[in-house]
Amino acid sequence: MKDYRYFGTTTSDTLYLRTAGTNTVIAQYPPAGSGGFTPSTQRVYTLYARGKTGVSGRTPSLALYTNR
């Protein structure tokens, strides 16, 4: 992921990290089964991706931090 993205909604949604050029989902936020992500006005969020596909014990995941 790169650049800033504007979320023009305040409804609950799920953010997906996909392999470039494909529809293959490798991670999502929030994790499956834990509800949805609801952005708030006047907030800045940072998503951190970590892990590696195909490597035992390093399953890709996303973490979200609220900066402001």
Protein backbone atom coordinates (compact mmCIF):
# COMPACT_ATOMS: atom_id res chain seq x y z
CA MET A 1 0.00 0.00 0.00
CA LYS A 2 1.16 3.51 -0.57
CA ASP A 3 -0.12 7.06 -0.60
CA TYR A 4 -3.00 8.45 1.40
CA ARG A 5 -6.52 7.15 0.91
CA TYR A 6 -9.64 9.07 1.83
CA PHE A 7 -12.47 7.08 3.43
CA GLY A 8 -15.64 8.95 2.57
CA THR A 9 -17.82 6.84 4.79
CA THR A 10 -18.64 6.31 8.43
CA THR A 11 -20.21 2.89 7.97
CA SER A 12 -18.66 -0.35 9.13
CA ASP A 13 -16.48 -2.05 6.54
CA THR A 14 -13.55 -4.44 6.12
CA LEU A 15 -10.16 -3.47 4.66
CA TYR A 16 -8.44 -6.10 2.50
CA LEU A 17 -4.77 -6.50 1.58
CA ARG A 18 -4.44 -8.28 -1.76
CA THR A 19 -1.60 -9.54 -3.86
CA ALA A 20 -0.85 -6.87 -6.49
CA GLY A 21 -2.73 -7.42 -9.73
CA THR A 22 -4.93 -10.20 -8.33
CA ASN A 23 -8.05 -10.71 -6.23
CA THR A 24 -6.16 -12.93 -3.77
CA VAL A 25 -6.78 -11.66 -0.22
CA ILE A 26 -3.75 -12.25 2.01
CA ALA A 27 -4.91 -10.30 5.09
CA GLN A 28 -7.87 -8.25 6.27
CA TYR A 29 -8.69 -5.74 9.00
CA PRO A 30 -10.41 -6.39 11.26
CA PRO A 31 -9.67 -10.13 11.41
CA ALA A 32 -12.52 -12.36 10.23
CA GLY A 33 -15.32 -12.74 12.77
CA SER A 34 -14.46 -9.68 14.89
CA GLY A 35 -16.87 -7.10 13.51
CA GLY A 36 -16.03 -4.25 11.17
CA PHE A 37 -13.86 -1.16 10.92
CA THR A 38 -15.77 2.11 11.28
CA PRO A 39 -13.74 5.21 10.37
CA SER A 40 -14.42 8.43 12.27
CA THR A 41 -14.23 12.00 11.05
CA GLN A 42 -11.06 14.02 11.72
CA ARG A 43 -8.97 10.86 12.27
CA VAL A 44 -5.78 9.64 10.64
CA TYR A 45 -5.21 5.88 10.50
CA THR A 46 -2.05 3.93 9.72
CA LEU A 47 -2.18 0.31 8.59
CA TYR A 48 0.85 -1.90 9.19
CA ALA A 49 1.21 -5.14 7.25
CA ARG A 50 3.50 -7.88 8.51
CA GLY A 51 4.20 -11.53 7.77
CA LYS A 52 4.99 -13.49 4.64
CA THR A 53 2.84 -15.76 2.53
CA GLY A 54 3.97 -19.36 2.26
CA VAL A 55 6.22 -19.26 5.35
CA SER A 56 5.26 -21.33 8.39
CA GLY A 57 4.60 -19.21 11.49
CA ARG A 58 4.61 -15.88 9.60
CA THR A 59 0.98 -15.57 8.49
CA PRO A 60 0.32 -12.11 7.02
CA SER A 61 -1.77 -9.76 9.18
CA LEU A 62 -2.79 -6.11 9.36
CA ALA A 63 -2.69 -3.83 12.40
CA LEU A 64 -4.45 -0.46 12.53
CA TYR A 65 -3.26 2.50 14.57
CA THR A 66 -5.13 5.76 15.10
CA ASN A 67 -2.69 8.66 14.76
CA ARG A 68 -5.06 11.49 15.52
